[in-house]
N, C-alpha and C. Protein backbone atom coordinates (compact mmCIF):
# COMPACT_ATOMS: atom_id res chain seq x y z
N MET A 1 0.97 -1.31 -0.48
CA MET A 1 -0.13 -0.01 -0.11
C MET A 1 1.16 1.42 -0.32
N THR A 2 0.30 2.64 -0.89
CA THR A 2 1.06 3.47 -0.78
C THR A 2 0.20 4.62 0.43
N GLY A 3 0.61 4.04 1.55
CA GLY A 3 -0.66 5.29 2.31
C GLY A 3 -2.39 5.03 2.49
N THR A 4 -2.53 5.55 3.27
CA THR A 4 -4.06 5.37 3.62
C THR A 4 -5.00 6.70 4.33
N CYS A 5 -5.56 7.03 2.67
CA CYS A 5 -6.02 8.59 2.76
C CYS A 5 -7.92 8.02 3.66
N LEU A 6 -7.76 8.90 4.93
CA LEU A 6 -9.69 8.71 5.57
C LEU A 6 -10.56 10.11 4.99
N LEU A 7 -11.41 9.32 3.84
CA LEU A 7 -12.32 9.60 3.82
C LEU A 7 -13.96 10.24 4.05
N VAL A 8 -14.31 11.39 4.49
CA VAL A 8 -15.49 11.52 5.76
C VAL A 8 -16.67 11.89 4.03
N VAL A 9 -17.62 10.91 4.02
CA VAL A 9 -18.54 10.79 2.93
C VAL A 9 -20.51 11.71 3.65
N ALA A 10 -20.31 13.26 3.61
CA ALA A 10 -20.80 14.32 4.30
C ALA A 10 -21.20 15.42 3.98
N LYS A 11 -22.79 15.13 4.36
CA LYS A 11 -23.56 16.03 3.88
C LYS A 11 -24.40 17.55 4.56
N ALA A 12 -24.65 18.66 4.04
CA ALA A 12 -24.45 19.99 4.56
C ALA A 12 -25.40 19.97 5.63
N PRO A 13 -25.82 20.05 6.99
CA PRO A 13 -26.81 19.94 7.92
C PRO A 13 -27.65 21.57 7.86
N VAL A 14 -28.02 20.92 6.74
CA VAL A 14 -28.61 22.78 6.75
C VAL A 14 -31.00 21.80 7.60
N PRO A 15 -31.39 22.66 7.67
CA PRO A 15 -32.77 22.29 8.96
C PRO A 15 -33.71 21.94 7.11
N GLY A 16 -33.95 21.09 7.19
CA GLY A 16 -35.21 20.80 6.29
C GLY A 16 -34.54 19.53 5.48
N LEU A 17 -33.35 19.47 5.22
CA LEU A 17 -33.04 18.77 4.39
C LEU A 17 -31.95 17.74 5.35
N ALA A 18 -31.47 17.70 6.54
CA ALA A 18 -30.36 16.87 7.10
C ALA A 18 -31.52 16.07 8.14
N LYS A 19 -31.07 14.79 8.17
CA LYS A 19 -31.69 13.92 9.41
C LYS A 19 -33.41 14.10 9.06
N THR A 20 -34.14 13.74 8.25
CA THR A 20 -35.25 13.93 8.11
C THR A 20 -36.09 13.21 9.28
N ARG A 21 -35.64 12.10 9.39
CA ARG A 21 -36.58 11.05 10.36
C ARG A 21 -36.55 11.48 11.93
N LEU A 22 -35.10 12.36 11.98
CA LEU A 22 -35.37 12.95 13.38
C LEU A 22 -35.69 13.76 13.40
N ALA A 23 -35.90 14.72 12.29
CA ALA A 23 -37.05 15.85 12.43
C ALA A 23 -38.52 15.81 13.25
N ALA A 24 -39.10 14.41 12.11
CA ALA A 24 -39.93 14.20 12.74
C ALA A 24 -40.71 14.13 13.39
N THR A 25 -39.14 13.73 14.52
CA THR A 25 -39.68 13.45 15.62
C THR A 25 -39.37 15.40 16.51
N LEU A 26 -38.62 15.69 16.30
CA LEU A 26 -37.46 16.71 16.96
C LEU A 26 -37.62 18.14 16.21
N GLY A 27 -38.12 17.97 15.41
CA GLY A 27 -37.92 19.83 14.30
C GLY A 27 -36.79 19.65 13.76
N ASP A 28 -36.69 20.22 12.32
CA ASP A 28 -35.85 20.88 11.53
C ASP A 28 -34.63 21.42 11.67
N ALA A 29 -34.83 22.40 12.51
CA ALA A 29 -33.61 22.90 13.62
C ALA A 29 -32.65 22.22 15.05
N VAL A 30 -33.51 21.66 15.19
CA VAL A 30 -32.89 21.04 16.38
C VAL A 30 -32.43 19.25 15.97
N ALA A 31 -32.44 18.28 14.93
CA ALA A 31 -31.74 17.78 13.83
C ALA A 31 -30.67 18.16 12.62
N ALA A 32 -30.41 19.06 12.62
CA ALA A 32 -29.57 20.20 11.55
C ALA A 32 -28.85 19.91 12.58
N ASP A 33 -28.96 20.33 14.20
CA ASP A 33 -27.84 21.01 14.97
C ASP A 33 -27.31 19.39 15.40
N ILE A 34 -27.85 18.41 15.37
CA ILE A 34 -27.39 17.22 15.96
C ILE A 34 -26.50 16.75 14.80
N ALA A 35 -27.29 16.52 13.41
CA ALA A 35 -25.99 16.44 12.48
C ALA A 35 -25.28 17.20 12.56
N ALA A 36 -25.12 18.29 12.49
CA ALA A 36 -23.27 19.60 12.29
C ALA A 36 -22.75 18.79 14.18
N ALA A 37 -23.56 18.32 14.99
CA ALA A 37 -22.69 18.09 16.22
C ALA A 37 -21.73 16.99 15.53
N ALA A 38 -22.45 15.99 14.40
CA ALA A 38 -22.51 14.55 14.56
C ALA A 38 -20.72 14.65 13.88
N LEU A 39 -21.15 15.26 12.45
CA LEU A 39 -20.43 16.09 12.08
C LEU A 39 -19.01 16.47 12.34
N LEU A 40 -18.82 16.77 12.73
CA LEU A 40 -18.13 17.75 14.12
C LEU A 40 -17.64 16.80 14.82
N ASP A 41 -17.30 16.64 15.45
CA ASP A 41 -17.40 14.78 16.10
C ASP A 41 -16.65 13.99 15.05
N THR A 42 -17.03 13.91 14.35
CA THR A 42 -16.35 12.52 13.22
C THR A 42 -15.39 13.48 12.57
N LEU A 43 -15.49 14.84 12.55
CA LEU A 43 -13.87 15.29 11.45
C LEU A 43 -13.23 15.44 12.63
N ASP A 44 -13.23 15.53 13.75
CA ASP A 44 -12.22 15.49 15.13
C ASP A 44 -11.95 14.38 15.23
N ALA A 45 -12.25 13.14 15.09
CA ALA A 45 -11.96 11.91 15.42
C ALA A 45 -10.91 11.15 14.51
N VAL A 46 -11.26 11.63 12.66
CA VAL A 46 -10.44 11.44 11.68
C VAL A 46 -9.34 12.76 11.98
N ALA A 47 -9.24 13.67 12.20
CA ALA A 47 -8.42 14.51 11.87
C ALA A 47 -7.09 13.90 12.93
N ALA A 48 -7.37 13.03 14.70
CA ALA A 48 -6.24 12.67 15.19
C ALA A 48 -6.06 11.63 14.90
N THR A 49 -6.65 10.64 13.06
CA THR A 49 -5.83 9.13 13.35
C THR A 49 -4.96 9.87 12.20
N PRO A 50 -3.33 8.90 12.35
CA PRO A 50 -2.55 9.11 11.15
C PRO A 50 -3.23 8.38 10.32
N ALA A 51 -2.57 9.48 9.18
CA ALA A 51 -3.18 9.00 7.83
C ALA A 51 -2.28 9.75 6.50
N GLU A 52 -2.33 9.82 5.29
CA GLU A 52 -1.41 9.81 3.66
C GLU A 52 -2.24 11.14 4.22
N ALA A 53 -4.39 11.28 3.91
CA ALA A 53 -4.13 12.40 3.80
C ALA A 53 -5.83 12.02 4.25
N ARG A 54 -6.34 13.16 4.45
CA ARG A 54 -7.59 13.97 5.03
C ARG A 54 -8.78 14.21 4.23
N VAL A 55 -9.73 13.35 3.36
CA VAL A 55 -10.97 13.89 2.61
C VAL A 55 -11.72 14.22 2.81
N VAL A 56 -13.16 15.13 2.62
CA VAL A 56 -14.15 15.12 3.26
C VAL A 56 -14.83 15.48 1.41
N ALA A 57 -15.85 14.59 1.23
CA ALA A 57 -16.31 14.72 0.43
C ALA A 57 -17.89 15.27 0.60
N MET A 58 -18.60 16.23 0.32
CA MET A 58 -18.74 17.67 1.02
C MET A 58 -20.46 17.94 -0.29
N THR A 59 -21.67 17.97 0.03
CA THR A 59 -23.00 17.68 -0.86
C THR A 59 -23.32 18.75 -0.13
N GLY A 60 -24.31 19.92 -0.96
CA GLY A 60 -25.28 20.83 0.46
C GLY A 60 -24.62 22.02 0.14
N ASP A 61 -25.23 22.61 1.27
CA ASP A 61 -25.43 23.83 0.94
C ASP A 61 -24.57 24.52 2.69
N LEU A 62 -23.80 24.69 2.25
CA LEU A 62 -22.82 24.62 3.88
C LEU A 62 -23.67 26.14 4.29
N ASP A 63 -23.61 27.26 3.32
CA ASP A 63 -23.72 28.73 3.99
C ASP A 63 -25.44 28.39 4.23
N ALA A 64 -25.99 27.50 4.40
CA ALA A 64 -27.30 27.23 4.98
C ALA A 64 -27.47 26.44 6.09
N ALA A 65 -25.80 25.80 6.01
CA ALA A 65 -25.92 24.65 7.63
C ALA A 65 -26.50 25.35 8.83
N ALA A 66 -26.44 24.34 9.69
CA ALA A 66 -26.40 24.67 11.09
C ALA A 66 -24.59 24.55 11.45
N ARG A 67 -24.21 25.73 12.90
CA ARG A 67 -22.78 26.13 12.83
C ARG A 67 -22.06 25.63 11.93
N SER A 68 -22.67 26.49 10.10
CA SER A 68 -21.95 26.61 9.66
C SER A 68 -20.82 27.11 9.57
N GLU A 69 -20.10 28.44 10.46
CA GLU A 69 -18.67 28.57 10.43
C GLU A 69 -17.44 27.92 11.78
N GLU A 70 -18.37 27.43 12.20
CA GLU A 70 -17.50 25.81 12.87
C GLU A 70 -17.18 24.93 12.37
N ILE A 71 -17.76 24.53 11.16
CA ILE A 71 -17.78 23.44 9.56
C ILE A 71 -16.78 24.07 9.26
N ARG A 72 -16.80 24.81 8.40
CA ARG A 72 -16.03 25.57 7.40
C ARG A 72 -14.42 26.09 8.17
N ALA A 73 -14.31 26.15 9.52
CA ALA A 73 -13.20 26.13 9.97
C ALA A 73 -12.50 25.00 10.14
N ARG A 74 -12.78 23.49 10.85
CA ARG A 74 -13.25 22.52 10.87
C ARG A 74 -12.66 21.81 9.24
N LEU A 75 -13.05 22.04 8.48
CA LEU A 75 -13.20 22.17 7.17
C LEU A 75 -11.67 22.51 6.36
N ASP A 76 -10.58 23.16 7.58
CA ASP A 76 -9.44 24.12 6.79
C ASP A 76 -8.17 22.53 6.49
N ASP A 77 -8.60 21.35 8.04
CA ASP A 77 -7.55 20.59 8.26
C ASP A 77 -7.79 19.33 6.84
N PHE A 78 -8.99 19.15 6.06
CA PHE A 78 -9.21 18.55 5.08
C PHE A 78 -9.32 19.05 3.45
N ILE A 79 -8.47 18.35 2.90
CA ILE A 79 -8.84 18.24 1.21
C ILE A 79 -10.43 17.97 1.07
N VAL A 80 -11.84 18.77 1.04
CA VAL A 80 -12.54 19.04 0.46
C VAL A 80 -12.92 18.84 -1.02
N ILE A 81 -13.98 17.82 -1.52
CA ILE A 81 -13.66 18.18 -3.13
C ILE A 81 -15.77 17.53 -2.73
N PRO A 82 -16.23 17.83 -3.96
CA PRO A 82 -17.56 17.45 -4.41
C PRO A 82 -18.00 16.38 -4.51
N GLN A 83 -19.26 16.21 -3.88
CA GLN A 83 -19.57 14.99 -3.89
C GLN A 83 -20.34 14.70 -5.54
N ARG A 84 -20.31 13.89 -6.55
CA ARG A 84 -21.09 13.76 -7.71
C ARG A 84 -21.55 12.29 -7.71
N GLY A 85 -22.53 12.76 -9.29
CA GLY A 85 -23.32 11.32 -9.42
C GLY A 85 -25.13 11.20 -9.32
N GLU A 86 -25.79 10.68 -9.98
CA GLU A 86 -26.70 10.69 -9.43
C GLU A 86 -27.86 10.17 -8.64
N ASP A 87 -27.12 9.14 -8.03
CA ASP A 87 -27.99 8.17 -6.43
C ASP A 87 -26.80 8.06 -5.56
N PHE A 88 -27.07 8.26 -4.43
CA PHE A 88 -26.09 7.54 -3.53
C PHE A 88 -25.16 6.84 -3.54
N ALA A 89 -25.63 5.18 -4.41
CA ALA A 89 -24.22 4.47 -4.52
C ALA A 89 -23.23 5.29 -5.36
N ASP A 90 -23.85 5.86 -6.23
CA ASP A 90 -22.56 6.32 -7.35
C ASP A 90 -21.71 7.40 -6.96
N ARG A 91 -22.65 8.10 -6.19
CA ARG A 91 -21.67 8.88 -5.07
C ARG A 91 -20.55 8.31 -4.41
N LEU A 92 -20.76 7.07 -3.95
CA LEU A 92 -20.13 7.05 -2.75
C LEU A 92 -19.11 6.12 -3.79
N ALA A 93 -19.37 5.46 -4.37
CA ALA A 93 -17.71 4.97 -6.01
C ALA A 93 -17.10 6.20 -6.22
N ASN A 94 -18.10 6.95 -6.87
CA ASN A 94 -17.35 8.43 -7.02
C ASN A 94 -15.91 9.05 -5.99
N ALA A 95 -16.68 8.76 -4.95
CA ALA A 95 -15.81 9.84 -3.92
C ALA A 95 -14.34 8.86 -4.02
N HIS A 96 -14.48 7.70 -3.60
CA HIS A 96 -13.12 6.22 -3.42
C HIS A 96 -12.09 6.89 -4.89
N LEU A 97 -12.93 7.17 -5.98
CA LEU A 97 -12.05 7.31 -6.87
C LEU A 97 -11.24 9.21 -6.82
N ASP A 98 -12.00 9.17 -6.48
CA ASP A 98 -11.88 11.14 -6.12
C ASP A 98 -10.93 10.97 -4.68
N ALA A 99 -11.40 10.67 -4.07
CA ALA A 99 -10.46 10.73 -2.54
C ALA A 99 -9.40 10.28 -2.75
N THR A 100 -8.86 9.18 -3.82
CA THR A 100 -7.75 8.12 -3.51
C THR A 100 -6.73 9.16 -5.24
N ALA A 101 -7.20 9.89 -6.08
CA ALA A 101 -6.54 10.70 -6.88
C ALA A 101 -6.09 11.87 -6.47
N ALA A 102 -7.23 12.40 -5.16
CA ALA A 102 -6.71 13.51 -4.98
C ALA A 102 -5.17 12.99 -3.08
N ALA A 103 -5.05 12.08 -2.83
CA ALA A 103 -4.10 11.48 -1.69
C ALA A 103 -2.89 11.02 -3.48
N GLY A 104 -2.93 11.00 -4.19
CA GLY A 104 -1.68 10.60 -4.73
C GLY A 104 -1.64 8.92 -5.13
N GLY A 105 -2.88 8.09 -5.00
CA GLY A 105 -3.35 6.70 -5.34
C GLY A 105 -3.11 6.16 -3.89
N ALA A 106 -3.22 7.08 -3.04
CA ALA A 106 -3.56 5.99 -1.65
C ALA A 106 -4.36 4.62 -1.71
N ALA A 107 -4.90 4.27 -0.70
CA ALA A 107 -6.15 2.78 0.20
C ALA A 107 -7.10 4.28 0.76
N VAL A 108 -8.07 3.91 0.10
CA VAL A 108 -8.77 4.78 1.27
C VAL A 108 -9.58 4.07 2.09
N VAL A 109 -10.10 5.12 2.99
CA VAL A 109 -11.14 4.33 3.78
C VAL A 109 -12.07 4.93 4.56
N GLN A 110 -13.21 4.93 4.23
CA GLN A 110 -14.28 5.90 4.15
C GLN A 110 -15.53 6.00 5.57
N ILE A 111 -15.94 6.80 5.92
CA ILE A 111 -17.22 6.55 6.84
C ILE A 111 -17.93 7.99 6.32
N GLY A 112 -18.95 7.79 6.81
CA GLY A 112 -19.70 9.08 6.73
C GLY A 112 -20.31 9.40 8.08
N MET A 113 -21.07 10.45 8.36
CA MET A 113 -21.41 11.19 9.53
C MET A 113 -22.45 11.16 10.74
N ASP A 114 -22.70 9.67 10.03
CA ASP A 114 -23.77 9.45 11.61
C ASP A 114 -23.57 8.66 12.42
N THR A 115 -22.40 8.17 13.31
CA THR A 115 -21.81 7.49 13.17
C THR A 115 -20.54 8.05 14.61
N PRO A 116 -21.15 9.32 14.97
CA PRO A 116 -20.17 10.21 15.66
C PRO A 116 -19.27 9.80 16.94
N GLN A 117 -19.24 8.55 17.73
CA GLN A 117 -18.88 8.06 18.63
C GLN A 117 -17.62 7.43 18.57
N VAL A 118 -16.82 7.36 16.41
CA VAL A 118 -15.68 6.53 16.28
C VAL A 118 -14.67 7.38 16.96
N ASN A 119 -13.33 6.76 17.30
CA ASN A 119 -12.80 7.85 18.05
C ASN A 119 -11.28 7.39 16.93
N PRO A 120 -9.92 7.68 17.36
CA PRO A 120 -8.91 7.55 16.69
C PRO A 120 -8.31 6.20 16.57
N GLY A 121 -8.27 5.50 17.65
CA GLY A 121 -8.16 3.89 18.15
C GLY A 121 -9.27 3.14 17.07
N LEU A 122 -10.33 3.63 16.72
CA LEU A 122 -10.72 2.43 16.00
C LEU A 122 -11.13 2.43 14.33
N LEU A 123 -10.63 4.03 13.82
CA LEU A 123 -10.31 4.22 13.09
C LEU A 123 -9.25 3.74 12.22
N ALA A 124 -8.02 3.35 13.13
CA ALA A 124 -6.51 2.97 13.25
C ALA A 124 -6.79 1.54 12.71
N GLU A 125 -7.55 0.81 13.85
CA GLU A 125 -7.97 -0.74 12.86
C GLU A 125 -8.29 -0.84 11.71
N CYS A 126 -9.08 0.00 11.21
CA CYS A 126 -10.23 -0.21 10.12
C CYS A 126 -8.75 0.17 9.45
N VAL A 127 -7.29 1.47 9.34
CA VAL A 127 -6.46 1.27 8.48
C VAL A 127 -5.44 0.07 8.19
N GLN A 128 -5.32 -0.39 10.06
CA GLN A 128 -4.82 -1.62 10.03
C GLN A 128 -4.59 -2.89 9.15
N GLY A 129 -6.41 -3.05 9.48
CA GLY A 129 -7.25 -3.81 8.05
C GLY A 129 -6.76 -4.29 7.01
N LEU A 130 -6.70 -3.42 6.22
CA LEU A 130 -6.20 -2.93 4.93
C LEU A 130 -4.55 -4.18 4.83
N ALA A 131 -3.78 -3.64 5.68
CA ALA A 131 -2.56 -4.86 5.31
C ALA A 131 -2.84 -6.19 5.35
N ALA A 132 -3.95 -7.15 6.07
CA ALA A 132 -4.50 -7.54 5.78
C ALA A 132 -5.51 -8.63 5.14
N HIS A 133 -5.88 -6.85 3.90
CA HIS A 133 -7.11 -7.45 3.69
C HIS A 133 -7.48 -6.96 2.72
N ASP A 134 -8.02 -7.39 1.27
CA ASP A 134 -8.04 -6.45 0.27
C ASP A 134 -9.24 -4.95 0.50
N ALA A 135 -10.26 -5.59 1.72
CA ALA A 135 -11.23 -4.44 1.67
C ALA A 135 -11.63 -5.10 3.81
N VAL A 136 -11.78 -3.43 3.99
CA VAL A 136 -12.53 -3.55 5.15
C VAL A 136 -14.25 -3.01 5.41
N LEU A 137 -15.44 -3.79 6.21
CA LEU A 137 -16.46 -3.15 6.20
C LEU A 137 -16.66 -3.63 7.45
N GLY A 138 -17.02 -2.62 8.03
CA GLY A 138 -17.86 -1.92 9.37
C GLY A 138 -19.10 -2.55 9.07
N MET A 139 -20.54 -3.43 9.85
CA MET A 139 -21.45 -3.40 9.66
C MET A 139 -22.33 -2.03 10.97
N ALA A 140 -23.57 -2.02 10.49
CA ALA A 140 -24.17 -1.09 11.44
C ALA A 140 -25.32 -1.59 11.61
N LEU A 141 -25.36 -1.53 13.02
CA LEU A 141 -26.53 -2.48 13.47
C LEU A 141 -28.42 -2.24 13.01
N ASP A 142 -27.78 -0.70 11.71
CA ASP A 142 -29.98 -1.30 11.47
C ASP A 142 -29.76 -1.93 9.53
N GLY A 143 -28.02 -2.93 9.71
CA GLY A 143 -28.58 -3.94 8.78
C GLY A 143 -27.44 -2.74 7.52
N GLY A 144 -27.08 -1.89 7.67
CA GLY A 144 -26.47 -1.18 6.94
C GLY A 144 -24.87 -1.19 7.23
N TRP A 145 -23.69 0.31 6.65
CA TRP A 145 -22.75 -0.20 7.12
C TRP A 145 -21.98 0.98 7.88
N TRP A 146 -20.88 1.29 8.33
CA TRP A 146 -20.47 2.83 8.81
C TRP A 146 -19.05 2.99 8.29
N VAL A 147 -18.83 1.98 7.47
CA VAL A 147 -17.20 1.92 6.93
C VAL A 147 -17.03 0.84 6.77
N LEU A 148 -15.67 1.36 4.97
CA LEU A 148 -15.63 0.62 4.09
C LEU A 148 -14.33 1.33 3.90
N GLY A 149 -13.59 0.32 3.92
CA GLY A 149 -12.05 0.48 3.19
C GLY A 149 -11.39 0.00 2.34
N LEU A 150 -11.32 0.16 1.05
CA LEU A 150 -10.45 -0.66 0.45
C LEU A 150 -8.95 -0.06 0.00
N ARG A 151 -8.93 -1.14 -0.44
CA ARG A 151 -6.39 -1.03 -0.71
C ARG A 151 -6.96 -0.51 -2.15
N ASP A 152 -7.11 -0.62 -2.56
CA ASP A 152 -8.10 0.00 -4.29
C ASP A 152 -9.29 0.34 -4.07
N ALA A 153 -8.56 1.52 -4.58
CA ALA A 153 -10.47 2.46 -4.96
C ALA A 153 -11.27 2.01 -5.97
N ALA A 154 -10.70 1.50 -6.80
CA ALA A 154 -10.84 1.40 -7.60
C ALA A 154 -12.43 -0.19 -7.66
N THR A 155 -12.03 -0.63 -7.04
CA THR A 155 -13.44 -1.93 -6.16
C THR A 155 -14.63 -1.13 -6.41
N ALA A 156 -14.21 0.06 -5.31
CA ALA A 156 -15.45 0.82 -5.26
C ALA A 156 -16.62 0.54 -6.52
N GLU A 157 -16.11 0.34 -7.52
CA GLU A 157 -17.17 0.30 -8.47
C GLU A 157 -18.27 -0.77 -8.34
N CYS A 158 -18.46 -1.83 -6.97
CA CYS A 158 -19.22 -2.69 -6.89
C CYS A 158 -20.69 -2.47 -6.02
N LEU A 159 -19.89 -1.11 -5.69
CA LEU A 159 -21.36 -0.41 -5.12
C LEU A 159 -22.08 -0.20 -5.87
N ARG A 160 -21.81 0.40 -7.66
CA ARG A 160 -23.30 1.01 -7.66
C ARG A 160 -24.17 0.34 -8.20
N ASP A 161 -23.79 -1.25 -7.99
CA ASP A 161 -24.76 -1.87 -8.00
C ASP A 161 -25.85 -2.37 -6.79
N VAL A 162 -25.39 -1.96 -5.10
CA VAL A 162 -25.95 -1.88 -3.84
C VAL A 162 -26.78 -1.15 -3.74
N PRO A 163 -28.03 -1.33 -3.59
CA PRO A 163 -29.80 -0.42 -2.96
C PRO A 163 -28.64 0.08 -1.25
N MET A 164 -28.82 1.37 -1.41
CA MET A 164 -28.50 1.98 -0.56
C MET A 164 -29.41 2.31 0.21
N SER A 165 -29.42 1.72 2.02
CA SER A 165 -30.13 2.72 3.15
C SER A 165 -31.27 1.64 3.32
N ALA A 166 -31.22 0.30 2.76
CA ALA A 166 -32.06 -0.77 2.78
C ALA A 166 -31.63 -1.31 3.98
N PRO A 167 -32.39 -2.40 4.74
CA PRO A 167 -32.48 -3.21 5.24
C PRO A 167 -31.04 -4.55 5.46
N ASP A 168 -30.67 -4.65 3.57
CA ASP A 168 -29.95 -5.39 3.93
C ASP A 168 -28.77 -4.49 3.45
N THR A 169 -28.23 -3.57 3.49
CA THR A 169 -26.98 -2.90 2.55
C THR A 169 -25.88 -3.04 2.98
N GLY A 170 -26.02 -3.74 4.17
CA GLY A 170 -24.51 -4.15 4.85
C GLY A 170 -24.61 -5.40 3.74
N ALA A 171 -24.61 -6.41 4.42
CA ALA A 171 -24.90 -7.98 3.42
C ALA A 171 -25.02 -8.09 2.09
N VAL A 172 -25.33 -7.07 1.45
CA VAL A 172 -25.69 -7.17 0.12
C VAL A 172 -24.06 -6.67 -0.37
N THR A 173 -23.74 -5.32 0.55
CA THR A 173 -22.29 -4.82 0.18
C THR A 173 -21.21 -6.15 0.23
N LEU A 174 -21.59 -6.99 1.52
CA LEU A 174 -20.58 -7.35 1.80
C LEU A 174 -20.07 -8.56 0.64
N ALA A 175 -21.20 -9.29 -0.25
CA ALA A 175 -21.29 -9.67 -0.92
C ALA A 175 -20.74 -9.57 -2.17
N ALA A 176 -21.31 -8.74 -2.18
CA ALA A 176 -20.19 -7.33 -4.03
C ALA A 176 -19.08 -7.60 -3.16
N LEU A 177 -18.99 -7.04 -2.50
CA LEU A 177 -17.29 -6.77 -2.48
C LEU A 177 -16.93 -8.76 -3.04
N GLN A 178 -17.32 -8.75 -2.19
CA GLN A 178 -16.57 -10.69 -2.20
C GLN A 178 -17.05 -11.34 -3.42
N HIS A 179 -17.31 -10.72 -4.32
CA HIS A 179 -17.82 -11.31 -5.76
C HIS A 179 -16.99 -10.71 -6.28
N THR A 180 -16.47 -9.56 -5.74
CA THR A 180 -15.09 -9.29 -6.86
C THR A 180 -14.47 -9.68 -6.67
N GLY A 181 -14.00 -10.63 -6.23
CA GLY A 181 -13.00 -11.05 -5.22
C GLY A 181 -12.21 -11.15 -4.54
N LEU A 182 -12.20 -9.86 -3.73
CA LEU A 182 -11.96 -9.45 -2.24
C LEU A 182 -12.09 -10.29 -1.28
N LEU A 183 -10.92 -10.36 -0.56
CA LEU A 183 -10.84 -10.45 0.65
C LEU A 183 -10.97 -9.57 1.55
N VAL A 184 -12.42 -10.36 2.61
CA VAL A 184 -12.74 -8.91 3.39
C VAL A 184 -12.53 -9.06 4.81
N GLY A 185 -12.10 -7.91 5.19
CA GLY A 185 -12.02 -8.06 6.91
C GLY A 185 -12.73 -7.60 7.63
N LEU A 186 -13.61 -7.93 8.14
CA LEU A 186 -15.10 -7.39 9.34
C LEU A 186 -14.45 -6.99 10.55
N VAL A 187 -14.78 -5.50 10.47
CA VAL A 187 -14.25 -4.61 11.82
C VAL A 187 -16.05 -5.00 12.90
N ALA A 188 -16.05 -4.12 13.76
CA ALA A 188 -16.75 -3.49 15.18
C ALA A 188 -18.44 -3.41 14.49
N HIS A 189 -18.89 -3.57 14.54
CA HIS A 189 -20.51 -3.02 14.61
C HIS A 189 -20.73 -1.93 15.37
N LEU A 190 -21.19 -0.56 14.86
CA LEU A 190 -21.51 0.56 15.66
C LEU A 190 -23.49 1.20 15.19
N ALA A 191 -23.35 1.67 16.05
CA ALA A 191 -25.32 1.81 16.18
C ALA A 191 -24.76 3.65 15.16
N ASP A 192 -25.93 3.59 14.23
CA ASP A 192 -26.32 5.21 13.56
C ASP A 192 -27.14 5.84 14.34
N VAL A 193 -27.07 7.32 13.59
CA VAL A 193 -28.30 8.03 14.42
C VAL A 193 -28.91 8.18 13.20
N ASP A 194 -30.42 7.31 12.94
CA ASP A 194 -31.09 8.09 12.14
C ASP A 194 -32.01 8.66 12.10
N THR A 195 -33.03 7.92 13.37
CA THR A 195 -34.45 8.45 13.87
C THR A 195 -33.75 8.76 15.86
N ILE A 196 -34.89 9.20 16.45
CA ILE A 196 -34.90 9.21 17.76
C ILE A 196 -34.34 8.01 19.18
N ASP A 197 -34.67 6.72 17.61
CA ASP A 197 -34.44 5.64 18.46
C ASP A 197 -33.23 5.40 18.48
N ASP A 198 -32.58 5.30 18.14
CA ASP A 198 -30.42 5.18 18.12
C ASP A 198 -30.12 6.17 18.92
N VAL A 199 -30.53 7.49 19.50
CA VAL A 199 -29.83 8.51 19.55
C VAL A 199 -28.80 8.50 21.53
N ASP A 200 -30.24 7.30 22.15
CA ASP A 200 -29.62 7.04 23.04
C ASP A 200 -28.07 6.10 23.37
N ALA A 201 -28.36 5.00 22.49
CA ALA A 201 -26.99 4.20 22.23
C ALA A 201 -25.90 4.95 21.17
N VAL A 202 -25.72 5.98 20.95
CA VAL A 202 -24.90 5.95 19.95
C VAL A 202 -24.38 7.08 21.07
N ARG A 203 -25.09 8.18 22.06
CA ARG A 203 -25.02 8.61 23.46
C ARG A 203 -23.86 8.41 24.10
N ARG A 204 -24.55 6.89 24.46
CA ARG A 204 -23.65 5.92 25.54
C ARG A 204 -21.74 5.90 25.01
N ALA A 205 -21.99 5.66 23.48
CA ALA A 205 -20.66 5.65 23.35
C ALA A 205 -19.62 6.22 22.96
N CYS A 206 -20.26 7.95 22.79
CA CYS A 206 -19.61 8.97 22.56
C CYS A 206 -18.67 8.95 24.18
N PRO A 207 -17.54 10.02 24.01
CA PRO A 207 -17.03 11.10 24.95
C PRO A 207 -17.86 11.43 25.66
N ALA A 208 -18.51 11.94 27.24
CA ALA A 208 -19.03 12.53 27.97
C ALA A 208 -18.98 14.07 26.94
N GLY A 209 -17.92 14.62 26.93
CA GLY A 209 -17.94 15.87 26.55
C GLY A 209 -18.53 16.52 25.24
N SER A 210 -18.59 15.59 24.32
CA SER A 210 -18.48 15.57 22.40
C SER A 210 -19.37 16.19 22.45
N ARG A 211 -19.62 17.05 21.13
CA ARG A 211 -20.99 17.98 20.88
C ARG A 211 -21.94 17.11 20.94
N PHE A 212 -22.28 15.74 20.66
CA PHE A 212 -23.18 15.04 20.23
C PHE A 212 -23.96 14.83 21.42
N SER A 213 -22.83 14.24 22.69
CA SER A 213 -23.14 13.67 23.84
C SER A 213 -23.84 15.31 24.68
N ARG A 214 -23.79 17.06 24.70
CA ARG A 214 -24.20 18.00 24.85
C ARG A 214 -25.45 18.21 23.89
N ILE A 215 -25.40 17.92 22.84
CA ILE A 215 -26.57 18.70 22.04
C ILE A 215 -27.67 17.48 22.13
N THR A 216 -27.54 16.28 23.26
CA THR A 216 -28.45 14.92 22.84
C THR A 216 -28.84 14.49 24.50
N ALA A 217 -27.94 15.25 25.32
CA ALA A 217 -28.07 15.04 26.82
C ALA A 217 -29.75 15.29 27.60
N THR A 218 -30.92 15.90 26.76
CA THR A 218 -31.92 16.10 26.99
C THR A 218 -32.93 15.34 26.37
N VAL A 219 -32.40 14.75 25.04
CA VAL A 219 -33.34 14.32 23.73
C VAL A 219 -33.01 12.74 24.76
N GLU A 220 -34.58 12.41 24.32
CA GLU A 220 -35.08 10.86 25.05
C GLU A 220 -36.40 10.42 24.39
N ALA A 221 -36.09 8.98 23.37
CA ALA A 221 -36.73 8.49 22.69
C ALA A 221 -37.93 8.23 23.45
């Protein structure tokens, strides 16, 4: 391997567009603020993890986002690239290709912004997993996945045929990677934040002083 690029695929936390299932219970402004806190905690963890490069593939209007100034300031430590593609599967595959290009051909370990409990130790384990495997995959408790590492970013092409945000997205992704001929190492299962029912489990896994913990301190299902 020629080093590793840590990639965050993120959406600007704009009220009315961010965390819509959470917003159905808590309102647009609160849901967007929670999404912003999750993104910022995630960026902190990535920034503290050794890597050849750190990239954020961003979509949405940051000017209209919750905590926009804080997010923009944090992004100064990252290479920021736009997401491209017609659907989420295309945008994920393209983000892997664009990130490795920005990082000079590095392997890519990609996460989203729904698991603010990630920490540098856990991310380092994912990076190290690529020394023994062609890919690493971390399943989410809702049936999706929270991390995907690829030694060769071109193999992200198989994601284009995977239905995203489905109850079996994780299993279908694993099968697609294995069908491509990749040796896949599985890493820790994590809960991610989509609805109010997810908040408590994620909060309990976060450091007490994290933004996510503070902003959700009074949120109960």
